[in-house]
Amino acid sequence: MLRTVLLAALFTLFSGCASDGTQVSDADIQNDNQRLKAEAAALRNEINQQKAELEALKAK
């Protein structure tokens, strides 16, 4: 569910629907890219942790 919301937000951001007509500098784009990478890494870590917990529960 969270993945779907994140993908929808990214699609909206990059499709131009969220554009307000202002120019975005390369530094701003790079900062957003780094922020999104960090968020994606955190989501991957959370998913891996939940998978491990699920496997532990299945083993009981």
PDB file of N, CA and C in Angstrom:
ATOM      1  N   MET A   1       0.824  -1.187   0.000  1.00  0.00           N
ATOM      2  CA  MET A   1       0.000   0.000   0.000  1.00  0.00           C
ATOM      3  C   MET A   1       0.871   1.255   0.000  1.00  0.00           C
ATOM      4  N   LEU A   2       1.861   1.260   0.895  1.00  0.00           N
ATOM      5  CA  LEU A   2       2.753   2.412   0.969  1.00  0.00           C
ATOM      6  C   LEU A   2       3.530   2.576  -0.332  1.00  0.00           C
ATOM      7  N   ARG A   3       3.920   1.456  -0.927  1.00  0.00           N
ATOM      8  CA  ARG A   3       4.641   1.496  -2.192  1.00  0.00           C
ATOM      9  C   ARG A   3       3.772   2.140  -3.271  1.00  0.00           C
ATOM     10  N   THR A   4       2.490   1.794  -3.303  1.00  0.00           N
ATOM     11  CA  THR A   4       1.575   2.354  -4.294  1.00  0.00           C
ATOM     12  C   THR A   4       1.448   3.858  -4.120  1.00  0.00           C
ATOM     13  N   VAL A   5       1.317   4.299  -2.889  1.00  0.00           N
ATOM     14  CA  VAL A   5       1.201   5.734  -2.610  1.00  0.00           C
ATOM     15  C   VAL A   5       2.473   6.458  -3.029  1.00  0.00           C
ATOM     16  N   LEU A   6       3.625   5.872  -2.702  1.00  0.00           N
ATOM     17  CA  LEU A   6       4.898   6.487  -3.065  1.00  0.00           C
ATOM     18  C   LEU A   6       5.054   6.570  -4.582  1.00  0.00           C
ATOM     19  N   LEU A   7       4.704   5.501  -5.282  1.00  0.00           N
ATOM     20  CA  LEU A   7       4.802   5.510  -6.740  1.00  0.00           C
ATOM     21  C   LEU A   7       3.854   6.533  -7.354  1.00  0.00           C
ATOM     22  N   ALA A   8       2.646   6.646  -6.815  1.00  0.00           N
ATOM     23  CA  ALA A   8       1.693   7.636  -7.320  1.00  0.00           C
ATOM     24  C   ALA A   8       2.220   9.052  -7.101  1.00  0.00           C
ATOM     25  N   ALA A   9       2.816   9.293  -5.937  1.00  0.00           N
ATOM     26  CA  ALA A   9       3.374  10.618  -5.655  1.00  0.00           C
ATOM     27  C   ALA A   9       4.525  10.937  -6.598  1.00  0.00           C
ATOM     28  N   LEU A  10       5.396   9.960  -6.826  1.00  0.00           N
ATOM     29  CA  LEU A  10       6.516  10.177  -7.744  1.00  0.00           C
ATOM     30  C   LEU A  10       6.021  10.407  -9.163  1.00  0.00           C
ATOM     31  N   PHE A  11       5.030   9.642  -9.584  1.00  0.00           N
ATOM     32  CA  PHE A  11       4.480   9.812 -10.931  1.00  0.00           C
ATOM     33  C   PHE A  11       3.909  11.213 -11.089  1.00  0.00           C
ATOM     34  N   THR A  12       3.161  11.666 -10.094  1.00  0.00           N
ATOM     35  CA  THR A  12       2.581  13.004 -10.140  1.00  0.00           C
ATOM     36  C   THR A  12       3.671  14.063 -10.186  1.00  0.00           C
ATOM     37  N   LEU A  13       4.701  13.879  -9.382  1.00  0.00           N
ATOM     38  CA  LEU A  13       5.793  14.843  -9.330  1.00  0.00           C
ATOM     39  C   LEU A  13       6.495  14.960 -10.674  1.00  0.00           C
ATOM     40  N   PHE A  14       6.806  13.819 -11.286  1.00  0.00           N
ATOM     41  CA  PHE A  14       7.581  13.838 -12.516  1.00  0.00           C
ATOM     42  C   PHE A  14       6.738  14.012 -13.773  1.00  0.00           C
ATOM     43  N   SER A  15       5.422  13.881 -13.668  1.00  0.00           N
ATOM     44  CA  SER A  15       4.582  14.040 -14.847  1.00  0.00           C
ATOM     45  C   SER A  15       4.308  15.506 -15.157  1.00  0.00           C
ATOM     46  N   GLY A  16       4.603  16.367 -14.230  1.00  0.00           N
ATOM     47  CA  GLY A  16       4.355  17.781 -14.444  1.00  0.00           C
ATOM     48  C   GLY A  16       3.056  18.246 -13.815  1.00  0.00           C
ATOM     49  N   CYS A  17       2.262  17.322 -13.299  1.00  0.00           N
ATOM     50  CA  CYS A  17       1.002  17.689 -12.662  1.00  0.00           C
ATOM     51  C   CYS A  17       1.243  18.540 -11.419  1.00  0.00           C
ATOM     52  N   ALA A  18       2.365  18.328 -10.778  1.00  0.00           N
ATOM     53  CA  ALA A  18       2.665  19.063  -9.556  1.00  0.00           C
ATOM     54  C   ALA A  18       3.481  20.323  -9.838  1.00  0.00           C
ATOM     55  N   SER A  19       3.689  20.638 -11.099  1.00  0.00           N
ATOM     56  CA  SER A  19       4.515  21.777 -11.465  1.00  0.00           C
ATOM     57  C   SER A  19       3.788  23.082 -11.173  1.00  0.00           C
ATOM     58  N   ASP A  20       4.527  24.049 -10.667  1.00  0.00           N
ATOM     59  CA  ASP A  20       3.942  25.363 -10.423  1.00  0.00           C
ATOM     60  C   ASP A  20       4.537  26.416 -11.354  1.00  0.00           C
ATOM     61  N   GLY A  21       5.260  25.980 -12.369  1.00  0.00           N
ATOM     62  CA  GLY A  21       5.790  26.893 -13.365  1.00  0.00           C
ATOM     63  C   GLY A  21       7.129  27.508 -13.017  1.00  0.00           C
ATOM     64  N   THR A  22       7.684  27.203 -11.865  1.00  0.00           N
ATOM     65  CA  THR A  22       8.979  27.764 -11.494  1.00  0.00           C
ATOM     66  C   THR A  22      10.101  26.869 -11.994  1.00  0.00           C
ATOM     67  N   GLN A  23      11.236  27.480 -12.236  1.00  0.00           N
ATOM     68  CA  GLN A  23      12.408  26.728 -12.665  1.00  0.00           C
ATOM     69  C   GLN A  23      13.026  26.039 -11.454  1.00  0.00           C
ATOM     70  N   VAL A  24      13.493  24.823 -11.675  1.00  0.00           N
ATOM     71  CA  VAL A  24      14.135  24.061 -10.611  1.00  0.00           C
ATOM     72  C   VAL A  24      15.608  23.929 -10.962  1.00  0.00           C
ATOM     73  N   SER A  25      16.465  24.261 -10.018  1.00  0.00           N
ATOM     74  CA  SER A  25      17.900  24.184 -10.279  1.00  0.00           C
ATOM     75  C   SER A  25      18.375  22.743 -10.181  1.00  0.00           C
ATOM     76  N   ASP A  26      19.532  22.480 -10.776  1.00  0.00           N
ATOM     77  CA  ASP A  26      20.120  21.146 -10.701  1.00  0.00           C
ATOM     78  C   ASP A  26      20.378  20.740  -9.256  1.00  0.00           C
ATOM     79  N   ALA A  27      20.771  21.690  -8.429  1.00  0.00           N
ATOM     80  CA  ALA A  27      21.023  21.388  -7.018  1.00  0.00           C
ATOM     81  C   ALA A  27      19.738  20.934  -6.331  1.00  0.00           C
ATOM     82  N   ASP A  28      18.625  21.588  -6.651  1.00  0.00           N
ATOM     83  CA  ASP A  28      17.342  21.188  -6.070  1.00  0.00           C
ATOM     84  C   ASP A  28      16.960  19.784  -6.523  1.00  0.00           C
ATOM     85  N   ILE A  29      17.187  19.504  -7.784  1.00  0.00           N
ATOM     86  CA  ILE A  29      16.876  18.178  -8.319  1.00  0.00           C
ATOM     87  C   ILE A  29      17.742  17.126  -7.650  1.00  0.00           C
ATOM     88  N   GLN A  30      19.014  17.425  -7.489  1.00  0.00           N
ATOM     89  CA  GLN A  30      19.919  16.475  -6.837  1.00  0.00           C
ATOM     90  C   GLN A  30      19.535  16.260  -5.376  1.00  0.00           C
ATOM     91  N   ASN A  31      19.138  17.328  -4.694  1.00  0.00           N
ATOM     92  CA  ASN A  31      18.700  17.198  -3.300  1.00  0.00           C
ATOM     93  C   ASN A  31      17.451  16.333  -3.202  1.00  0.00           C
ATOM     94  N   ASP A  32      16.491  16.573  -4.098  1.00  0.00           N
ATOM     95  CA  ASP A  32      15.284  15.748  -4.111  1.00  0.00           C
ATOM     96  C   ASP A  32      15.621  14.298  -4.419  1.00  0.00           C
ATOM     97  N   ASN A  33      16.533  14.094  -5.355  1.00  0.00           N
ATOM     98  CA  ASN A  33      16.939  12.742  -5.721  1.00  0.00           C
ATOM     99  C   ASN A  33      17.561  12.027  -4.524  1.00  0.00           C
ATOM    100  N   GLN A  34      18.430  12.702  -3.808  1.00  0.00           N
ATOM    101  CA  GLN A  34      19.057  12.102  -2.632  1.00  0.00           C
ATOM    102  C   GLN A  34      18.025  11.804  -1.541  1.00  0.00           C
ATOM    103  N   ARG A  35      17.081  12.728  -1.365  1.00  0.00           N
ATOM    104  CA  ARG A  35      16.028  12.513  -0.369  1.00  0.00           C
ATOM    105  C   ARG A  35      15.178  11.302  -0.741  1.00  0.00           C
ATOM    106  N   LEU A  36      14.819  11.200  -2.018  1.00  0.00           N
ATOM    107  CA  LEU A  36      14.009  10.068  -2.466  1.00  0.00           C
ATOM    108  C   LEU A  36      14.768   8.754  -2.350  1.00  0.00           C
ATOM    109  N   LYS A  37      16.064   8.791  -2.635  1.00  0.00           N
ATOM    110  CA  LYS A  37      16.877   7.578  -2.476  1.00  0.00           C
ATOM    111  C   LYS A  37      16.907   7.141  -1.015  1.00  0.00           C
ATOM    112  N   ALA A  38      17.039   8.099  -0.114  1.00  0.00           N
ATOM    113  CA  ALA A  38      17.062   7.777   1.316  1.00  0.00           C
ATOM    114  C   ALA A  38      15.719   7.212   1.765  1.00  0.00           C
ATOM    115  N   GLU A  39      14.627   7.798   1.280  1.00  0.00           N
ATOM    116  CA  GLU A  39      13.299   7.288   1.620  1.00  0.00           C
ATOM    117  C   GLU A  39      13.110   5.876   1.079  1.00  0.00           C
ATOM    118  N   ALA A  40      13.556   5.642  -0.148  1.00  0.00           N
ATOM    119  CA  ALA A  40      13.438   4.313  -0.749  1.00  0.00           C
ATOM    120  C   ALA A  40      14.248   3.292   0.037  1.00  0.00           C
ATOM    121  N   ALA A  41      15.439   3.669   0.459  1.00  0.00           N
ATOM    122  CA  ALA A  41      16.272   2.757   1.250  1.00  0.00           C
ATOM    123  C   ALA A  41      15.601   2.441   2.584  1.00  0.00           C
ATOM    124  N   ALA A  42      15.007   3.442   3.205  1.00  0.00           N
ATOM    125  CA  ALA A  42      14.312   3.220   4.477  1.00  0.00           C
ATOM    126  C   ALA A  42      13.123   2.290   4.279  1.00  0.00           C
ATOM    127  N   LEU A  43      12.392   2.473   3.182  1.00  0.00           N
ATOM    128  CA  LEU A  43      11.258   1.590   2.895  1.00  0.00           C
ATOM    129  C   LEU A  43      11.722   0.167   2.635  1.00  0.00           C
ATOM    130  N   ARG A  44      12.824   0.017   1.900  1.00  0.00           N
ATOM    131  CA  ARG A  44      13.359  -1.334   1.646  1.00  0.00           C
ATOM    132  C   ARG A  44      13.768  -2.000   2.950  1.00  0.00           C
ATOM    133  N   ASN A  45      14.409  -1.251   3.832  1.00  0.00           N
ATOM    134  CA  ASN A  45      14.815  -1.798   5.129  1.00  0.00           C
ATOM    135  C   ASN A  45      13.600  -2.220   5.952  1.00  0.00           C
ATOM    136  N   GLU A  46      12.570  -1.402   5.937  1.00  0.00           N
ATOM    137  CA  GLU A  46      11.354  -1.727   6.680  1.00  0.00           C
ATOM    138  C   GLU A  46      10.695  -2.987   6.120  1.00  0.00           C
ATOM    139  N   ILE A  47      10.651  -3.097   4.806  1.00  0.00           N
ATOM    140  CA  ILE A  47      10.075  -4.285   4.169  1.00  0.00           C
ATOM    141  C   ILE A  47      10.883  -5.520   4.521  1.00  0.00           C
ATOM    142  N   ASN A  48      12.201  -5.408   4.472  1.00  0.00           N
ATOM    143  CA  ASN A  48      13.047  -6.552   4.824  1.00  0.00           C
ATOM    144  C   ASN A  48      12.840  -6.964   6.276  1.00  0.00           C
ATOM    145  N   GLN A  49      12.687  -5.989   7.161  1.00  0.00           N
ATOM    146  CA  GLN A  49      12.452  -6.291   8.571  1.00  0.00           C
ATOM    147  C   GLN A  49      11.104  -6.992   8.745  1.00  0.00           C
ATOM    148  N   GLN A  50      10.086  -6.512   8.047  1.00  0.00           N
ATOM    149  CA  GLN A  50       8.769  -7.135   8.148  1.00  0.00           C
ATOM    150  C   GLN A  50       8.781  -8.545   7.569  1.00  0.00           C
ATOM    151  N   LYS A  51       9.529  -8.757   6.490  1.00  0.00           N
ATOM    152  CA  LYS A  51       9.654 -10.105   5.926  1.00  0.00           C
ATOM    153  C   LYS A  51      10.315 -11.042   6.927  1.00  0.00           C
ATOM    154  N   ALA A  52      11.361 -10.554   7.596  1.00  0.00           N
ATOM    155  CA  ALA A  52      12.058 -11.374   8.591  1.00  0.00           C
ATOM    156  C   ALA A  52      11.127 -11.720   9.749  1.00  0.00           C
ATOM    157  N   GLU A  53      10.342 -10.748  10.197  1.00  0.00           N
ATOM    158  CA  GLU A  53       9.388 -11.006  11.277  1.00  0.00           C
ATOM    159  C   GLU A  53       8.337 -12.018  10.843  1.00  0.00           C
ATOM    160  N   LEU A  54       7.867 -11.903   9.612  1.00  0.00           N
ATOM    161  CA  LEU A  54       6.877 -12.841   9.091  1.00  0.00           C
ATOM    162  C   LEU A  54       7.446 -14.251   9.023  1.00  0.00           C
ATOM    163  N   GLU A  55       8.676 -14.366   8.551  1.00  0.00           N
ATOM    164  CA  GLU A  55       9.318 -15.682   8.479  1.00  0.00           C
ATOM    165  C   GLU A  55       9.503 -16.277   9.873  1.00  0.00           C
ATOM    166  N   ALA A  56       9.838 -15.426  10.841  1.00  0.00           N
ATOM    167  CA  ALA A  56      10.002 -15.903  12.219  1.00  0.00           C
ATOM    168  C   ALA A  56       8.672 -16.401  12.776  1.00  0.00           C
ATOM    169  N   LEU A  57       7.596 -15.702  12.450  1.00  0.00           N
ATOM    170  CA  LEU A  57       6.277 -16.135  12.914  1.00  0.00           C
ATOM    171  C   LEU A  57       5.846 -17.427  12.234  1.00  0.00           C
ATOM    172  N   LYS A  58       6.194 -17.580  10.964  1.00  0.00           N
ATOM    173  CA  LYS A  58       5.854 -18.807  10.237  1.00  0.00           C
ATOM    174  C   LYS A  58       6.599 -20.004  10.811  1.00  0.00           C
ATOM    175  N   ALA A  59       7.806 -19.774  11.295  1.00  0.00           N
ATOM    176  CA  ALA A  59       8.639 -20.858  11.817  1.00  0.00           C
ATOM    177  C   ALA A  59       8.129 -21.371  13.164  1.00  0.00           C
ATOM    178  N   LYS A  60       7.322 -20.592  13.849  1.00  0.00           N
ATOM    179  CA  LYS A  60       6.822 -21.003  15.178  1.00  0.00           C
ATOM    180  C   LYS A  60       5.790 -22.079  15.066  1.00  0.00           C
TER     181      LYS A  60
END
